[in-house]
Amino acid sequence: MSTTATQSLEDQKLKEAYFTASQGQLIWTRFKGNRTAMIAAWVLVVLILMGFFAPFLSPYDPTIAGRDKEYENGAPQIPKFWDENGFSARPFLYTLERQRSIKTNFRWVTTENREKRRYLELFVKDWEYAYFKINWDLPGDIFDIDFRGIKFSTHLFGMNEGGIHLFGTDGSGKDIFGRTLHAIYTSLAVGALGVFISFVLALIIGGVAGYFGGMVDSILQMITDAVRTIPAIPLFMAMAAFIPDEWSSETRFFFISIVLGLVGWPTLARRIRTHLLTERSQEYVLAAELSGASASHIIRRHLLPSFTSYIIVDLMISFPYMVRTETALSFVGLGLKDPVNSLGALMQNVSKADVLLNYQWYFIPVLFFIAFVLAFVFVGDGLRDAADPYSSAKK
């Protein structure tokens, strides 16, 4: 077969694949052509995996129980392969020694003994952790739940003697590396639960209001406007005062996520309602009604898919908004608190005056927070362009 005929056959196959492809396949194909969005997607995937496998990747318990009392406010420790004493195939750190000195008014001083090496080990056994655990401690004993799923005690790396702190330690000796990984997971979980609740409410309320209109639309819009006018700061202050101190960290986490979801749906609901008010008079909607399709079927199968690109953009923007809200609440002391590890709780440490001058490694979680939010923004922009078939024409 000639080269021209082969090329023509390949072009024909590509055209057939294009016209027979599903909407999801077309969106994925266009999304892969956006290099910035793909890089952001890989960064986002890495952050999600780091958060999900945080207990496995963390050599030490990130709570107060796992603090290193002999290495408080310690600088990051980077394993070495060689020094003036020679090369080592195994990564190592120097042994730390604490002693009091006259020069420091008899305060404890940590020094490195460069003659004694401590070696890095893989797949070590240490503190026990569990996946899919639930610990609710609500008022009373009826709704209390303490469930621990699959338990493990293996961690990716550790030291044969002493500790290793890749991102350093805070003032109480807790490992910032482990706390950062757990904080990513907490922020992801808060954002996912909050976005899911707001997304479901927005689809239901916005879809019903836009499709039926009239009195139903007026009543639902009154409810939407009432939720939108709730002031955020007084609400969160009241929420912080309402949460009892004896609540467990998981209970506090779920409560804050639910509240964020219940107040985060009006914007998407109004957009869906506006779009459906315009689209409900189209001929394809009339044809579906004449064929006997129910209102829920028309909204779910015909109207909402025509609004896919905007829904995707709103979801991807809402996710970092939820994370930023939780971070801001925790930063000012109204959200999650120790021993819960969240990005906001970690960023509380950088508000101290001496951190910028003496403990710059406290800012490492801030870098992860910035990368986390930017990755969601770029992925959202890429999905918006991929879901809009006219995006390339607009450019």
Protein backbone atom coordinates (compact mmCIF):
# COMPACT_ATOMS: atom_id res chain seq x y z
CA MET A 1 0.00 0.00 0.00
CA SER A 2 1.36 3.43 -0.93
CA THR A 3 2.25 6.11 1.59
CA THR A 4 -0.58 8.36 0.40
CA ALA A 5 -3.16 5.61 0.81
CA THR A 6 -1.83 4.76 4.27
CA GLN A 7 -2.02 8.41 5.34
CA SER A 8 -5.54 8.70 3.97
CA LEU A 9 -6.59 5.58 5.88
CA GLU A 10 -5.13 6.95 9.11
CA ASP A 11 -6.90 10.29 8.60
CA GLN A 12 -10.16 8.47 8.02
CA LYS A 13 -9.70 6.48 11.23
CA LEU A 14 -8.97 9.67 13.16
CA LYS A 15 -12.14 11.30 11.81
CA GLU A 16 -14.19 8.25 12.71
CA ALA A 17 -12.68 8.21 16.20
CA TYR A 18 -13.47 11.93 16.58
CA PHE A 19 -17.12 11.62 15.56
CA THR A 20 -17.69 8.44 17.60
CA ALA A 21 -15.84 9.63 20.72
CA SER A 22 -17.76 10.38 23.89
CA GLN A 23 -17.78 13.78 25.51
CA GLY A 24 -15.34 12.61 28.16
CA GLN A 25 -12.88 11.36 25.54
CA LEU A 26 -13.03 14.66 23.65
CA ILE A 27 -12.45 16.65 26.85
CA TRP A 28 -9.47 14.46 27.79
CA THR A 29 -7.95 14.80 24.31
CA ARG A 30 -8.18 18.59 24.37
CA PHE A 31 -6.96 18.71 27.96
CA LYS A 32 -3.79 16.75 27.10
CA GLY A 33 -2.93 19.42 24.54
CA ASN A 34 -2.67 22.06 27.28
CA ARG A 35 0.88 21.72 28.62
CA THR A 36 0.40 24.03 31.60
CA ALA A 37 -2.73 22.19 32.70
CA MET A 38 -1.00 18.81 32.36
CA ILE A 39 1.95 19.94 34.49
CA ALA A 40 -0.47 21.28 37.10
CA ALA A 41 -2.41 18.01 36.95
CA TRP A 42 0.74 15.98 37.66
CA VAL A 43 1.62 18.30 40.55
CA LEU A 44 -1.90 17.87 41.88
CA VAL A 45 -1.70 14.08 41.56
CA VAL A 46 1.62 14.04 43.44
CA LEU A 47 0.19 16.21 46.22
CA ILE A 48 -2.91 14.01 46.50
CA LEU A 49 -0.78 10.85 46.71
CA MET A 50 1.49 12.47 49.28
CA GLY A 51 -1.53 13.38 51.36
CA PHE A 52 -3.20 9.99 51.09
CA PHE A 53 -0.02 8.06 51.93
CA ALA A 54 1.09 10.59 54.55
CA PRO A 55 1.27 8.06 57.43
CA PHE A 56 3.40 5.71 55.33
CA LEU A 57 5.71 8.51 54.19
CA SER A 58 6.05 10.05 57.65
CA PRO A 59 8.77 8.41 59.73
CA TYR A 60 7.31 9.77 62.99
CA ASP A 61 3.94 10.50 64.50
CA PRO A 62 3.08 14.13 63.58
CA THR A 63 1.11 14.69 66.80
CA ILE A 64 2.46 15.78 70.14
CA ALA A 65 3.07 12.12 71.01
CA GLY A 66 5.76 11.88 68.35
CA ARG A 67 7.76 14.99 69.13
CA ASP A 68 11.53 14.91 69.37
CA LYS A 69 12.33 16.49 72.73
CA GLU A 70 16.03 16.68 71.92
CA TYR A 71 15.60 18.51 68.61
CA GLU A 72 13.20 21.40 69.18
CA ASN A 73 13.17 24.16 66.54
CA GLY A 74 15.67 22.04 64.64
CA ALA A 75 16.80 22.86 61.13
CA PRO A 76 16.01 20.52 58.19
CA GLN A 77 18.23 17.44 58.02
CA ILE A 78 19.38 16.37 54.55
CA PRO A 79 21.03 12.91 54.31
CA LYS A 80 24.55 12.86 52.93
CA PHE A 81 26.56 10.37 50.90
CA TRP A 82 30.06 11.69 51.57
CA ASP A 83 32.02 14.10 53.74
CA GLU A 84 35.62 14.62 54.80
CA ASN A 85 35.61 11.12 56.31
CA GLY A 86 34.85 9.42 53.00
CA PHE A 87 32.02 8.10 50.81
CA SER A 88 29.11 5.95 51.98
CA ALA A 89 26.70 4.01 49.78
CA ARG A 90 24.03 4.43 52.47
CA PRO A 91 22.70 7.96 53.18
CA PHE A 92 23.69 9.11 56.64
CA LEU A 93 23.35 11.89 59.18
CA TYR A 94 25.60 12.92 62.02
CA THR A 95 24.87 12.01 65.61
CA LEU A 96 23.42 14.90 67.60
CA GLU A 97 24.70 15.64 71.08
CA ARG A 98 23.16 18.00 73.62
CA GLN A 99 25.18 19.80 76.25
CA ARG A 100 25.11 22.95 78.35
CA SER A 101 27.62 25.68 77.65
CA ILE A 102 28.84 28.71 79.58
CA LYS A 103 28.69 30.71 76.36
CA THR A 104 24.91 30.22 76.17
CA ASN A 105 24.25 30.82 79.91
CA PHE A 106 24.03 27.06 80.52
CA ARG A 107 21.21 26.55 78.03
CA TRP A 108 20.96 23.29 76.11
CA VAL A 109 22.95 23.41 72.86
CA THR A 110 22.72 20.74 70.13
CA THR A 111 25.94 19.97 68.22
CA GLU A 112 26.88 17.48 65.51
CA ASN A 113 29.44 14.78 66.16
CA ARG A 114 30.87 14.32 62.65
CA GLU A 115 32.70 11.18 63.70
CA LYS A 116 29.51 9.26 64.46
CA ARG A 117 27.19 8.48 61.57
CA ARG A 118 23.54 7.42 61.67
CA TYR A 119 22.30 5.60 58.57
CA LEU A 120 19.03 5.85 56.67
CA GLU A 121 16.91 2.68 56.46
CA LEU A 122 13.94 1.83 54.25
CA PHE A 123 10.62 0.23 55.26
CA VAL A 124 11.12 0.55 58.99
CA LYS A 125 8.66 -0.38 61.75
CA ASP A 126 7.52 2.45 63.98
CA TRP A 127 4.28 4.05 65.21
CA GLU A 128 0.98 2.43 64.23
CA TYR A 129 -1.50 4.16 61.93
CA ALA A 130 -4.81 3.21 60.34
CA TYR A 131 -6.61 4.01 57.10
CA PHE A 132 -10.36 4.63 56.91
CA LYS A 133 -10.62 5.44 60.60
CA ILE A 134 -13.57 7.31 62.11
CA ASN A 135 -13.62 8.78 65.60
CA TRP A 136 -16.75 10.77 66.40
CA ASP A 137 -17.23 11.95 69.97
CA LEU A 138 -20.55 13.78 69.93
CA PRO A 139 -22.52 14.76 73.05
CA GLY A 140 -23.96 11.63 74.61
CA ASP A 141 -23.00 8.03 73.92
CA ILE A 142 -25.48 7.13 71.18
CA PHE A 143 -23.62 8.65 68.21
CA ASP A 144 -20.07 7.97 69.39
CA ILE A 145 -18.07 6.07 66.79
CA ASP A 146 -14.52 4.78 67.14
CA PHE A 147 -13.69 2.73 64.05
CA ARG A 148 -10.19 1.96 62.84
CA GLY A 149 -9.85 0.28 59.48
CA ILE A 150 -6.69 -1.29 58.12
CA LYS A 151 -3.77 -0.88 60.52
CA PHE A 152 -0.10 -0.62 59.56
CA SER A 153 3.17 0.15 61.29
CA THR A 154 5.55 0.19 58.29
CA HIS A 155 7.01 3.47 57.09
CA LEU A 156 9.00 4.29 53.98
CA PHE A 157 12.16 5.41 55.74
CA GLY A 158 13.73 6.03 59.11
CA MET A 159 17.07 6.00 60.90
CA ASN A 160 18.84 3.13 62.60
CA GLU A 161 19.41 5.47 65.55
CA GLY A 162 17.79 8.76 66.45
CA GLY A 163 15.48 10.74 64.20
CA ILE A 164 15.44 12.39 60.80
CA HIS A 165 13.52 15.59 60.09
CA LEU A 166 13.61 16.55 56.41
CA PHE A 167 11.71 19.80 56.99
CA GLY A 168 13.01 20.43 60.51
CA THR A 169 10.96 20.57 63.70
CA ASP A 170 8.78 23.18 65.39
CA GLY A 171 9.03 24.62 68.88
CA SER A 172 7.62 21.50 70.52
CA GLY A 173 9.85 19.13 68.51
CA LYS A 174 7.13 17.85 66.15
CA ASP A 175 8.29 16.80 62.70
CA ILE A 176 7.26 19.43 60.11
CA PHE A 177 7.63 16.97 57.22
CA GLY A 178 5.06 14.58 58.66
CA ARG A 179 2.79 17.43 59.73
CA THR A 180 2.88 18.93 56.23
CA LEU A 181 1.89 15.66 54.56
CA HIS A 182 -0.95 15.11 57.01
CA ALA A 183 -2.03 18.74 56.57
CA ILE A 184 -2.34 18.21 52.80
CA TYR A 185 -4.59 15.20 53.42
CA THR A 186 -6.73 17.12 55.91
CA SER A 187 -7.15 20.08 53.56
CA LEU A 188 -8.02 17.74 50.67
CA ALA A 189 -10.60 15.94 52.79
CA VAL A 190 -12.16 19.20 54.03
CA GLY A 191 -12.32 20.58 50.50
CA ALA A 192 -13.70 17.36 49.00
CA LEU A 193 -16.48 17.01 51.57
CA GLY A 194 -17.38 20.70 51.45
CA VAL A 195 -17.42 20.80 47.64
CA PHE A 196 -19.51 17.61 47.46
CA ILE A 197 -22.17 19.02 49.78
CA SER A 198 -22.30 22.39 48.02
CA PHE A 199 -22.27 20.74 44.59
CA VAL A 200 -25.24 18.49 45.35
CA LEU A 201 -27.24 21.36 46.86
CA ALA A 202 -26.41 23.65 43.93
CA LEU A 203 -27.46 21.08 41.32
CA ILE A 204 -30.75 20.32 43.07
CA ILE A 205 -31.76 23.88 44.01
CA GLY A 206 -30.42 25.57 40.87
CA GLY A 207 -31.82 22.88 38.58
CA VAL A 208 -35.31 22.93 40.09
CA ALA A 209 -35.45 26.74 40.18
CA GLY A 210 -34.25 27.14 36.59
CA TYR A 211 -36.44 24.42 35.10
CA PHE A 212 -39.77 25.16 36.79
CA GLY A 213 -39.45 28.95 37.26
CA GLY A 214 -42.43 30.87 38.56
CA MET A 215 -43.32 30.60 42.23
CA VAL A 216 -40.88 27.73 42.78
CA ASP A 217 -38.05 29.86 41.41
CA SER A 218 -39.04 32.84 43.58
CA ILE A 219 -39.10 30.78 46.79
CA LEU A 220 -35.77 29.07 46.07
CA GLN A 221 -34.13 32.38 45.14
CA MET A 222 -35.28 33.87 48.43
CA ILE A 223 -33.58 30.98 50.22
CA THR A 224 -30.45 31.38 48.07
CA ASP A 225 -30.23 35.13 48.76
CA ALA A 226 -30.75 34.51 52.47
CA VAL A 227 -27.80 32.09 52.56
CA ARG A 228 -25.63 34.48 50.52
CA THR A 229 -26.26 37.34 52.97
CA ILE A 230 -24.99 35.36 55.97
CA PRO A 231 -21.85 37.21 57.12
CA ALA A 232 -18.88 34.87 57.07
CA ILE A 233 -16.83 36.17 59.99
CA PRO A 234 -19.67 36.24 62.59
CA LEU A 235 -20.78 32.80 61.37
CA PHE A 236 -17.35 31.30 61.86
CA MET A 237 -16.90 33.00 65.24
CA ALA A 238 -20.24 31.57 66.37
CA MET A 239 -19.22 28.18 64.99
CA ALA A 240 -15.94 28.29 66.92
CA ALA A 241 -17.81 29.19 70.12
CA PHE A 242 -20.33 26.39 69.52
CA ILE A 243 -17.78 23.58 69.06
CA PRO A 244 -17.14 21.98 72.45
CA ASP A 245 -13.54 21.49 73.49
CA GLU A 246 -14.15 17.81 74.22
CA TRP A 247 -15.01 17.05 70.59
CA SER A 248 -12.47 14.84 68.86
CA SER A 249 -10.41 16.15 65.98
CA GLU A 250 -12.40 14.06 63.47
CA THR A 251 -15.72 15.39 64.80
CA ARG A 252 -14.48 18.97 64.56
CA PHE A 253 -13.22 18.27 61.04
CA PHE A 254 -16.57 16.89 59.80
CA PHE A 255 -18.52 19.71 61.42
CA ILE A 256 -16.41 22.41 59.78
CA SER A 257 -16.59 20.64 56.39
CA ILE A 258 -20.39 20.41 56.57
CA VAL A 259 -20.74 24.08 57.49
CA LEU A 260 -18.46 25.13 54.62
CA GLY A 261 -20.55 23.04 52.24
CA LEU A 262 -23.86 24.41 53.49
CA VAL A 263 -22.81 28.02 52.88
CA GLY A 264 -20.85 27.47 49.65
CA TRP A 265 -23.58 26.45 47.19
CA PRO A 266 -25.47 29.70 46.27
CA THR A 267 -23.04 30.95 43.60
CA LEU A 268 -23.12 27.75 41.53
CA ALA A 269 -26.86 27.39 42.11
CA ARG A 270 -27.54 30.83 40.64
CA ARG A 271 -25.39 30.09 37.60
CA ILE A 272 -27.19 26.82 36.96
CA ARG A 273 -30.56 28.49 37.45
CA THR A 274 -29.72 31.29 34.98
CA HIS A 275 -28.54 28.84 32.35
CA LEU A 276 -31.56 26.57 32.72
CA LEU A 277 -33.98 29.51 32.47
CA THR A 278 -32.51 30.18 29.03
CA GLU A 279 -32.24 26.59 27.86
CA ARG A 280 -35.62 25.26 29.03
CA SER A 281 -37.42 26.84 26.07
CA GLN A 282 -35.18 25.17 23.48
CA GLU A 283 -36.61 22.67 21.00
CA TYR A 284 -34.69 19.66 22.33
CA VAL A 285 -36.23 20.24 25.78
CA LEU A 286 -39.71 20.43 24.22
CA ALA A 287 -39.02 17.21 22.30
CA ALA A 288 -37.98 15.46 25.50
CA GLU A 289 -41.13 16.64 27.26
CA LEU A 290 -43.35 15.44 24.41
CA SER A 291 -41.67 12.04 24.51
CA GLY A 292 -42.76 11.67 28.13
CA ALA A 293 -39.43 12.30 29.86
CA SER A 294 -39.66 13.36 33.51
CA ALA A 295 -38.40 16.71 34.76
CA SER A 296 -35.52 15.09 36.65
CA HIS A 297 -34.48 13.18 33.51
CA ILE A 298 -34.54 16.32 31.36
CA ILE A 299 -32.51 18.30 33.89
CA ARG A 300 -29.99 15.51 34.47
CA ARG A 301 -29.58 14.19 30.91
CA HIS A 302 -30.20 17.22 28.70
CA LEU A 303 -29.88 20.56 30.48
CA LEU A 304 -26.98 20.08 32.88
CA PRO A 305 -24.64 18.44 30.28
CA SER A 306 -24.94 21.60 28.15
CA PHE A 307 -23.55 23.48 31.14
CA THR A 308 -20.67 21.09 31.81
CA SER A 309 -17.77 23.46 31.21
CA TYR A 310 -19.08 26.06 33.64
CA ILE A 311 -19.86 23.47 36.29
CA ILE A 312 -16.33 22.05 35.99
CA VAL A 313 -14.76 25.48 36.32
CA ASP A 314 -16.88 26.34 39.33
CA LEU A 315 -16.03 23.05 41.03
CA MET A 316 -12.31 23.42 40.44
CA ILE A 317 -12.40 26.99 41.74
CA SER A 318 -14.61 26.07 44.69
CA PHE A 319 -12.16 23.40 45.86
CA PRO A 320 -9.24 25.76 46.59
CA TYR A 321 -11.75 28.25 47.97
CA MET A 322 -12.85 25.66 50.53
CA VAL A 323 -9.22 24.91 51.35
CA ARG A 324 -8.41 28.61 51.66
CA THR A 325 -11.41 29.14 53.92
CA GLU A 326 -10.39 26.29 56.21
CA THR A 327 -6.80 27.56 56.18
CA ALA A 328 -7.90 31.09 57.07
CA LEU A 329 -10.13 29.81 59.88
CA SER A 330 -7.36 27.65 61.32
CA PHE A 331 -4.85 30.47 60.90
CA VAL A 332 -6.90 32.84 63.10
CA GLY A 333 -7.75 30.07 65.57
CA LEU A 334 -11.38 29.48 64.57
CA GLY A 335 -10.95 26.25 62.62
CA LEU A 336 -8.97 23.08 63.17
CA LYS A 337 -6.48 23.14 66.01
CA ASP A 338 -3.72 20.93 67.38
CA PRO A 339 -3.36 18.00 67.36
CA VAL A 340 -5.12 18.19 63.96
CA ASN A 341 -2.61 18.89 61.21
CA SER A 342 -4.00 21.31 58.64
CA LEU A 343 -2.28 23.87 56.46
CA GLY A 344 -3.93 26.66 58.42
CA ALA A 345 -2.79 25.25 61.75
CA LEU A 346 0.78 24.99 60.43
CA MET A 347 0.68 28.52 59.04
CA GLN A 348 -0.11 29.84 62.51
CA ASN A 349 3.55 29.32 63.36
CA VAL A 350 4.77 31.74 60.68
CA SER A 351 2.91 34.63 62.34
CA LYS A 352 5.50 34.79 65.10
CA ALA A 353 8.06 37.58 64.89
CA ASP A 354 11.22 35.50 65.29
CA VAL A 355 10.30 32.88 62.67
CA LEU A 356 11.38 34.94 59.66
CA LEU A 357 14.81 35.59 61.15
CA ASN A 358 15.61 32.31 62.88
CA TYR A 359 13.31 29.51 61.69
CA GLN A 360 12.78 29.93 57.96
CA TRP A 361 11.84 26.26 57.53
CA TYR A 362 8.47 27.06 59.13
CA PHE A 363 7.52 28.51 55.74
CA ILE A 364 7.79 25.14 53.93
CA PRO A 365 4.06 24.33 54.47
CA VAL A 366 3.24 27.73 52.97
CA LEU A 367 5.00 26.71 49.74
CA PHE A 368 2.93 23.52 49.59
CA PHE A 369 -0.25 25.54 50.14
CA ILE A 370 0.62 27.89 47.27
CA ALA A 371 1.45 24.97 44.95
CA PHE A 372 -1.78 23.24 46.00
CA VAL A 373 -4.00 26.22 45.17
CA LEU A 374 -2.21 27.10 41.92
CA ALA A 375 -2.41 23.50 40.71
CA PHE A 376 -6.19 23.51 41.16
CA VAL A 377 -6.52 26.86 39.38
CA PHE A 378 -4.50 25.76 36.34
CA VAL A 379 -6.25 22.40 36.14
CA GLY A 380 -9.61 24.18 36.35
CA ASP A 381 -8.66 26.53 33.51
CA GLY A 382 -7.49 23.59 31.42
CA LEU A 383 -10.72 21.65 32.01
CA ARG A 384 -12.78 24.72 31.17
CA ASP A 385 -11.04 25.14 27.84
CA ALA A 386 -11.24 21.41 27.14
CA ALA A 387 -14.96 21.25 27.92
CA ASP A 388 -15.73 24.29 25.75
CA PRO A 389 -15.61 23.24 22.05
CA TYR A 390 -15.32 26.88 21.01
CA SER A 391 -12.42 27.78 23.26
CA SER A 392 -9.83 27.46 20.46
CA ALA A 393 -11.95 29.62 18.18
CA LYS A 394 -12.18 32.34 20.85
CA LYS A 395 -8.39 32.50 21.13
